Amino acid sequence: MVTVYGLLLIFHLMLRSTGTIPGSLNIPISSHPNAFHLPAENFHHLFGFKKPETNGPDAPELVFFCKAGVRGRAAAQLAKNAGYSRVGDYPGSWLDWSAKGGKAERFEGEGEVWEGQGV
């Protein structure tokens, strides 16, 4: 089960055609590379969810993914540079998830889940 901050998608252009990993949140790092340096209020306004804590008992584990893994790895490094300590990336990202038959959640709609499709 993905927690509220478990997976963070950083490449949003593919969402409408492929969907996304259920429970993931979208942070378009390419258009907001300073996202993790924003004040909490600005972060929430831009992305629609609370900015994760960087450290301490409430700091979630953040796992970044994109289409193939390159941008996810870069986003994980940006988060580390901003002081986040529990950070990783999903090396195969969406292509791996989809190839293994992972479920997908539509970007538009009310959390409808369908079988993953290749890109």
C-alpha atoms as a PDB file:
ATOM      1  CA  MET A   1       0.000   0.000   0.000  1.00  0.00           C
ATOM      2  CA  VAL A   2       1.380   3.387  -0.959  1.00  0.00           C
ATOM      3  CA  THR A   3       1.321   5.986   1.791  1.00  0.00           C
ATOM      4  CA  VAL A   4       0.320   9.561   1.091  1.00  0.00           C
ATOM      5  CA  TYR A   5       3.950  10.435   0.317  1.00  0.00           C
ATOM      6  CA  GLY A   6       5.177   7.016  -0.785  1.00  0.00           C
ATOM      7  CA  LEU A   7       5.544   7.693  -4.497  1.00  0.00           C
ATOM      8  CA  LEU A   8       6.032  11.053  -6.124  1.00  0.00           C
ATOM      9  CA  LEU A   9       5.674  11.346  -9.882  1.00  0.00           C
ATOM     10  CA  ILE A  10       7.836  14.028 -11.421  1.00  0.00           C
ATOM     11  CA  PHE A  11       6.929  13.810 -15.108  1.00  0.00           C
ATOM     12  CA  HIS A  12       3.325  14.851 -15.572  1.00  0.00           C
ATOM     13  CA  LEU A  13       2.959  14.948 -19.378  1.00  0.00           C
ATOM     14  CA  MET A  14       2.401  11.191 -19.628  1.00  0.00           C
ATOM     15  CA  LEU A  15      -0.393  11.104 -17.058  1.00  0.00           C
ATOM     16  CA  ARG A  16      -3.307  11.620 -19.402  1.00  0.00           C
ATOM     17  CA  SER A  17      -2.298   8.777 -21.722  1.00  0.00           C
ATOM     18  CA  THR A  18      -0.891   6.225 -19.277  1.00  0.00           C
ATOM     19  CA  GLY A  19      -2.321   7.003 -15.869  1.00  0.00           C
ATOM     20  CA  THR A  20      -0.110   6.786 -12.818  1.00  0.00           C
ATOM     21  CA  ILE A  21       0.835   4.385 -10.031  1.00  0.00           C
ATOM     22  CA  PRO A  22      -2.100   4.328  -7.583  1.00  0.00           C
ATOM     23  CA  GLY A  23      -1.600   6.591  -4.588  1.00  0.00           C
ATOM     24  CA  SER A  24       1.226   8.585  -6.138  1.00  0.00           C
ATOM     25  CA  LEU A  25       1.359  12.369  -6.071  1.00  0.00           C
ATOM     26  CA  ASN A  26       2.481  14.645  -8.895  1.00  0.00           C
ATOM     27  CA  ILE A  27       5.299  17.174  -8.516  1.00  0.00           C
ATOM     28  CA  PRO A  28       6.312  18.439 -11.980  1.00  0.00           C
ATOM     29  CA  ILE A  29       9.984  19.060 -11.184  1.00  0.00           C
ATOM     30  CA  SER A  30      10.817  20.134 -14.743  1.00  0.00           C
ATOM     31  CA  SER A  31       8.654  23.235 -14.320  1.00  0.00           C
ATOM     32  CA  HIS A  32       9.262  23.624 -10.552  1.00  0.00           C
ATOM     33  CA  PRO A  33      12.863  22.550  -9.838  1.00  0.00           C
ATOM     34  CA  ASN A  34      12.850  24.536  -6.588  1.00  0.00           C
ATOM     35  CA  ALA A  35       9.710  22.765  -5.289  1.00  0.00           C
ATOM     36  CA  PHE A  36      11.408  21.369  -2.188  1.00  0.00           C
ATOM     37  CA  HIS A  37      12.764  24.777  -1.222  1.00  0.00           C
ATOM     38  CA  LEU A  38       9.336  26.447  -1.299  1.00  0.00           C
ATOM     39  CA  PRO A  39       7.631  27.562   1.917  1.00  0.00           C
ATOM     40  CA  ALA A  40       4.998  25.012   3.004  1.00  0.00           C
ATOM     41  CA  GLU A  41       2.087  27.304   2.118  1.00  0.00           C
ATOM     42  CA  ASN A  42       3.367  27.921  -1.423  1.00  0.00           C
ATOM     43  CA  PHE A  43       4.066  24.202  -1.909  1.00  0.00           C
ATOM     44  CA  HIS A  44       0.512  23.308  -0.872  1.00  0.00           C
ATOM     45  CA  HIS A  45      -0.954  25.982  -3.135  1.00  0.00           C
ATOM     46  CA  LEU A  46       1.027  24.773  -6.181  1.00  0.00           C
ATOM     47  CA  PHE A  47       0.683  21.019  -5.768  1.00  0.00           C
ATOM     48  CA  GLY A  48      -2.505  20.568  -3.741  1.00  0.00           C
ATOM     49  CA  PHE A  49      -1.047  18.577  -0.875  1.00  0.00           C
ATOM     50  CA  LYS A  50       0.960  19.280   2.276  1.00  0.00           C
ATOM     51  CA  LYS A  51       4.714  19.654   1.862  1.00  0.00           C
ATOM     52  CA  PRO A  52       6.440  16.607   3.378  1.00  0.00           C
ATOM     53  CA  GLU A  53       8.556  17.038   6.508  1.00  0.00           C
ATOM     54  CA  THR A  54      12.290  16.854   5.794  1.00  0.00           C
ATOM     55  CA  ASN A  55      13.493  15.014   8.905  1.00  0.00           C
ATOM     56  CA  GLY A  56      12.302  13.762  12.261  1.00  0.00           C
ATOM     57  CA  PRO A  57       9.591  11.311  13.283  1.00  0.00           C
ATOM     58  CA  ASP A  58       7.064  12.687  10.779  1.00  0.00           C
ATOM     59  CA  ALA A  59       9.445  12.586   7.809  1.00  0.00           C
ATOM     60  CA  PRO A  60       7.998  10.193   5.221  1.00  0.00           C
ATOM     61  CA  GLU A  61       9.951   8.002   2.848  1.00  0.00           C
ATOM     62  CA  LEU A  62       9.868   9.634  -0.590  1.00  0.00           C
ATOM     63  CA  VAL A  63      10.246   7.486  -3.710  1.00  0.00           C
ATOM     64  CA  PHE A  64      10.411   9.342  -7.016  1.00  0.00           C
ATOM     65  CA  PHE A  65       9.512   7.972 -10.423  1.00  0.00           C
ATOM     66  CA  CYS A  66       8.961   9.211 -13.967  1.00  0.00           C
ATOM     67  CA  LYS A  67       8.674   7.352 -17.275  1.00  0.00           C
ATOM     68  CA  ALA A  68      12.022   5.523 -17.324  1.00  0.00           C
ATOM     69  CA  GLY A  69      13.912   6.633 -14.200  1.00  0.00           C
ATOM     70  CA  VAL A  70      16.268   9.447 -15.234  1.00  0.00           C
ATOM     71  CA  ARG A  71      14.107  12.345 -14.049  1.00  0.00           C
ATOM     72  CA  GLY A  72      13.057  10.387 -10.961  1.00  0.00           C
ATOM     73  CA  ARG A  73      16.707   9.981  -9.969  1.00  0.00           C
ATOM     74  CA  ALA A  74      17.335  13.701 -10.573  1.00  0.00           C
ATOM     75  CA  ALA A  75      14.278  14.650  -8.489  1.00  0.00           C
ATOM     76  CA  ALA A  76      15.467  12.419  -5.644  1.00  0.00           C
ATOM     77  CA  GLN A  77      18.787  14.271  -5.682  1.00  0.00           C
ATOM     78  CA  LEU A  78      16.979  17.644  -5.613  1.00  0.00           C
ATOM     79  CA  ALA A  79      15.038  16.475  -2.560  1.00  0.00           C
ATOM     80  CA  LYS A  80      18.261  15.345  -0.847  1.00  0.00           C
ATOM     81  CA  ASN A  81      19.835  18.725  -1.623  1.00  0.00           C
ATOM     82  CA  ALA A  82      16.819  20.373   0.040  1.00  0.00           C
ATOM     83  CA  GLY A  83      17.433  18.410   3.247  1.00  0.00           C
ATOM     84  CA  TYR A  84      15.167  15.389   2.831  1.00  0.00           C
ATOM     85  CA  SER A  85      16.754  12.340   4.431  1.00  0.00           C
ATOM     86  CA  ARG A  86      14.467   9.422   3.493  1.00  0.00           C
ATOM     87  CA  VAL A  87      14.663   9.616  -0.300  1.00  0.00           C
ATOM     88  CA  GLY A  88      14.943   7.095  -3.096  1.00  0.00           C
ATOM     89  CA  ASP A  89      13.965   6.555  -6.705  1.00  0.00           C
ATOM     90  CA  TYR A  90      12.234   3.764  -8.604  1.00  0.00           C
ATOM     91  CA  PRO A  91      14.922   2.895 -11.205  1.00  0.00           C
ATOM     92  CA  GLY A  92      12.601   1.343 -13.796  1.00  0.00           C
ATOM     93  CA  SER A  93       9.858   3.864 -13.076  1.00  0.00           C
ATOM     94  CA  TRP A  94       6.619   3.722 -15.070  1.00  0.00           C
ATOM     95  CA  LEU A  95       8.006   1.487 -17.830  1.00  0.00           C
ATOM     96  CA  ASP A  96       8.972  -1.193 -15.290  1.00  0.00           C
ATOM     97  CA  TRP A  97       5.709  -0.844 -13.343  1.00  0.00           C
ATOM     98  CA  SER A  98       3.637  -1.168 -16.507  1.00  0.00           C
ATOM     99  CA  ALA A  99       5.701  -4.049 -17.941  1.00  0.00           C
ATOM    100  CA  LYS A 100       5.130  -6.013 -14.725  1.00  0.00           C
ATOM    101  CA  GLY A 101       1.368  -5.520 -15.003  1.00  0.00           C
ATOM    102  CA  GLY A 102       1.099  -2.922 -12.262  1.00  0.00           C
ATOM    103  CA  LYS A 103      -2.270  -1.265 -11.829  1.00  0.00           C
ATOM    104  CA  ALA A 104      -2.702   2.307 -12.980  1.00  0.00           C
ATOM    105  CA  GLU A 105      -4.871   5.084 -11.680  1.00  0.00           C
ATOM    106  CA  ARG A 106      -6.350   7.520 -14.169  1.00  0.00           C
ATOM    107  CA  PHE A 107      -5.105  11.070 -13.832  1.00  0.00           C
ATOM    108  CA  GLU A 108      -8.593  12.416 -14.506  1.00  0.00           C
ATOM    109  CA  GLY A 109     -11.561  10.974 -12.633  1.00  0.00           C
ATOM    110  CA  GLU A 110     -12.225   9.755  -9.150  1.00  0.00           C
ATOM    111  CA  GLY A 111      -9.431   7.243  -8.533  1.00  0.00           C
ATOM    112  CA  GLU A 112     -10.615   4.737 -11.127  1.00  0.00           C
ATOM    113  CA  VAL A 113      -8.140   1.839 -11.306  1.00  0.00           C
ATOM    114  CA  TRP A 114      -7.393  -0.126 -14.477  1.00  0.00           C
ATOM    115  CA  GLU A 115      -4.716  -2.525 -15.696  1.00  0.00           C
ATOM    116  CA  GLY A 116      -1.424  -0.834 -16.578  1.00  0.00           C
ATOM    117  CA  GLN A 117      -0.649  -0.315 -20.241  1.00  0.00           C
ATOM    118  CA  GLY A 118       2.759   0.108 -21.855  1.00  0.00           C
ATOM    119  CA  VAL A 119       3.686   3.553 -23.116  1.00  0.00           C
END
